[in-house]
Amino acid sequence: MEQKAPKPLTPRPASWEGRDAGLRRADQLAESILSLVEGLTQGPPADESVPPLGQTAGVGP
């Protein structure tokens, strides 16, 4: 019985290149969303905080 020679390696199909680009884009988008959510969970910076309800900034008692 003859043994067949291994098939030569073929380059990846062009459709895979598009998929890889899509995965990279999805990864970047996910990173941006996670960064945004992290900022929301930390709350606004102290200098942009809103005064408590019923109090107006800059007005004394």
N, C-alpha and C. Protein backbone atom coordinates (compact mmCIF):
# COMPACT_ATOMS: atom_id res chain seq x y z
N MET A 1 0.85 -1.18 0.00
CA MET A 1 0.00 0.00 0.00
C MET A 1 0.89 1.24 0.00
N GLU A 2 0.57 2.16 -0.90
CA GLU A 2 1.39 3.37 -1.00
C GLU A 2 0.94 4.41 0.02
N GLN A 3 1.91 5.13 0.53
CA GLN A 3 1.60 6.21 1.46
C GLN A 3 1.56 7.51 0.67
N LYS A 4 0.49 8.27 0.87
CA LYS A 4 0.35 9.53 0.13
C LYS A 4 1.22 10.60 0.77
N ALA A 5 1.73 11.45 -0.08
CA ALA A 5 2.52 12.57 0.42
C ALA A 5 1.59 13.57 1.10
N PRO A 6 2.04 14.21 2.17
CA PRO A 6 1.18 15.20 2.83
C PRO A 6 0.85 16.34 1.88
N LYS A 7 -0.35 16.87 2.07
CA LYS A 7 -0.76 18.00 1.22
C LYS A 7 0.08 19.22 1.58
N PRO A 8 0.43 20.00 0.58
CA PRO A 8 1.18 21.23 0.88
C PRO A 8 0.30 22.23 1.62
N LEU A 9 0.91 23.02 2.44
CA LEU A 9 0.16 24.05 3.16
C LEU A 9 -0.34 25.09 2.18
N THR A 10 -1.58 25.46 2.35
CA THR A 10 -2.15 26.47 1.47
C THR A 10 -2.36 27.75 2.26
N PRO A 11 -2.28 28.88 1.60
CA PRO A 11 -2.52 30.13 2.32
C PRO A 11 -3.96 30.20 2.80
N ARG A 12 -4.18 30.99 3.83
CA ARG A 12 -5.53 31.13 4.36
C ARG A 12 -6.44 31.76 3.31
N PRO A 13 -7.67 31.32 3.24
CA PRO A 13 -8.60 31.94 2.29
C PRO A 13 -8.81 33.42 2.62
N ALA A 14 -9.11 34.20 1.60
CA ALA A 14 -9.32 35.64 1.80
C ALA A 14 -10.44 35.91 2.78
N SER A 15 -11.43 35.03 2.84
CA SER A 15 -12.56 35.24 3.76
C SER A 15 -12.10 35.24 5.21
N TRP A 16 -11.03 34.51 5.51
CA TRP A 16 -10.50 34.51 6.88
C TRP A 16 -9.92 35.87 7.24
N GLU A 17 -9.33 36.55 6.27
CA GLU A 17 -8.74 37.86 6.54
C GLU A 17 -9.82 38.83 7.01
N GLY A 18 -10.96 38.80 6.34
CA GLY A 18 -12.07 39.66 6.74
C GLY A 18 -12.57 39.33 8.13
N ARG A 19 -12.60 38.04 8.44
CA ARG A 19 -13.06 37.62 9.76
C ARG A 19 -12.09 38.11 10.83
N ASP A 20 -10.79 37.99 10.57
CA ASP A 20 -9.79 38.46 11.53
C ASP A 20 -9.94 39.96 11.77
N ALA A 21 -10.16 40.72 10.71
CA ALA A 21 -10.33 42.16 10.85
C ALA A 21 -11.58 42.45 11.67
N GLY A 22 -12.63 41.68 11.45
CA GLY A 22 -13.87 41.86 12.21
C GLY A 22 -13.67 41.55 13.68
N LEU A 23 -12.90 40.51 13.97
CA LEU A 23 -12.63 40.16 15.36
C LEU A 23 -11.80 41.23 16.05
N ARG A 24 -10.82 41.79 15.33
CA ARG A 24 -10.01 42.87 15.92
C ARG A 24 -10.90 44.08 16.21
N ARG A 25 -11.80 44.41 15.29
CA ARG A 25 -12.70 45.55 15.48
C ARG A 25 -13.62 45.29 16.67
N ALA A 26 -14.14 44.08 16.78
CA ALA A 26 -15.02 43.74 17.89
C ALA A 26 -14.27 43.85 19.22
N ASP A 27 -13.02 43.43 19.23
CA ASP A 27 -12.21 43.51 20.44
C ASP A 27 -12.00 44.97 20.85
N GLN A 28 -11.73 45.83 19.87
CA GLN A 28 -11.54 47.25 20.16
C GLN A 28 -12.83 47.86 20.70
N LEU A 29 -13.96 47.50 20.09
CA LEU A 29 -15.24 48.03 20.51
C LEU A 29 -15.57 47.58 21.93
N ALA A 30 -15.32 46.31 22.23
CA ALA A 30 -15.58 45.80 23.57
C ALA A 30 -14.72 46.52 24.60
N GLU A 31 -13.48 46.79 24.26
CA GLU A 31 -12.59 47.50 25.18
C GLU A 31 -13.11 48.91 25.45
N SER A 32 -13.61 49.58 24.42
CA SER A 32 -14.16 50.92 24.58
C SER A 32 -15.39 50.90 25.48
N ILE A 33 -16.25 49.91 25.27
CA ILE A 33 -17.47 49.81 26.08
C ILE A 33 -17.13 49.53 27.53
N LEU A 34 -16.19 48.62 27.77
CA LEU A 34 -15.79 48.32 29.14
C LEU A 34 -15.21 49.55 29.83
N SER A 35 -14.45 50.34 29.10
CA SER A 35 -13.87 51.55 29.66
C SER A 35 -14.98 52.54 30.03
N LEU A 36 -15.97 52.66 29.16
CA LEU A 36 -17.09 53.57 29.43
C LEU A 36 -17.87 53.12 30.65
N VAL A 37 -18.16 51.83 30.74
CA VAL A 37 -18.92 51.29 31.87
C VAL A 37 -18.14 51.48 33.16
N GLU A 38 -16.84 51.28 33.11
CA GLU A 38 -16.01 51.47 34.30
C GLU A 38 -16.10 52.92 34.78
N GLY A 39 -16.08 53.86 33.86
CA GLY A 39 -16.22 55.26 34.21
C GLY A 39 -17.57 55.57 34.83
N LEU A 40 -18.61 54.93 34.34
CA LEU A 40 -19.95 55.16 34.88
C LEU A 40 -20.09 54.61 36.29
N THR A 41 -19.45 53.48 36.57
CA THR A 41 -19.57 52.89 37.90
C THR A 41 -18.78 53.69 38.93
N GLN A 42 -17.79 54.44 38.51
CA GLN A 42 -17.00 55.24 39.43
C GLN A 42 -17.68 56.57 39.75
N GLY A 43 -18.66 56.96 38.96
CA GLY A 43 -19.36 58.22 39.18
C GLY A 43 -18.61 59.38 38.56
N PRO A 44 -19.22 60.56 38.59
CA PRO A 44 -18.60 61.72 37.97
C PRO A 44 -17.40 62.22 38.78
N PRO A 45 -16.48 62.92 38.16
CA PRO A 45 -15.37 63.52 38.90
C PRO A 45 -15.90 64.53 39.92
N ALA A 46 -15.16 64.75 40.98
CA ALA A 46 -15.61 65.62 42.07
C ALA A 46 -15.93 67.04 41.59
N ASP A 47 -15.17 67.58 40.63
CA ASP A 47 -15.41 68.95 40.20
C ASP A 47 -16.65 69.09 39.32
N GLU A 48 -17.24 67.98 38.90
CA GLU A 48 -18.45 68.04 38.09
C GLU A 48 -19.66 67.50 38.84
N SER A 49 -19.54 67.32 40.14
CA SER A 49 -20.64 66.75 40.90
C SER A 49 -21.79 67.74 41.00
N VAL A 50 -22.97 67.20 41.15
CA VAL A 50 -24.19 68.01 41.22
C VAL A 50 -24.48 68.29 42.69
N PRO A 51 -24.87 69.52 43.04
CA PRO A 51 -25.19 69.81 44.44
C PRO A 51 -26.40 69.00 44.89
N PRO A 52 -26.52 68.72 46.19
CA PRO A 52 -27.67 67.95 46.70
C PRO A 52 -28.98 68.65 46.34
N LEU A 53 -30.04 67.86 46.23
CA LEU A 53 -31.36 68.38 45.88
C LEU A 53 -31.80 69.43 46.90
N GLY A 54 -32.34 70.53 46.42
CA GLY A 54 -32.82 71.58 47.31
C GLY A 54 -31.77 72.63 47.62
N GLN A 55 -30.54 72.44 47.19
CA GLN A 55 -29.49 73.42 47.43
C GLN A 55 -29.00 73.95 46.09
N THR A 56 -28.78 75.24 46.04
CA THR A 56 -28.26 75.85 44.83
C THR A 56 -26.82 76.25 45.07
N ALA A 57 -25.97 75.95 44.16
CA ALA A 57 -24.56 76.27 44.31
C ALA A 57 -24.36 77.78 44.38
N GLY A 58 -23.56 78.22 45.31
CA GLY A 58 -23.21 79.63 45.41
C GLY A 58 -24.19 80.48 46.19
N VAL A 59 -25.23 79.89 46.72
CA VAL A 59 -26.23 80.66 47.49
C VAL A 59 -26.14 80.24 48.94
N GLY A 60 -26.00 81.21 49.83
CA GLY A 60 -25.86 80.92 51.25
C GLY A 60 -27.20 80.64 51.90
N PRO A 61 -27.18 80.20 53.17
CA PRO A 61 -28.43 79.90 53.90
C PRO A 61 -29.24 81.12 54.25
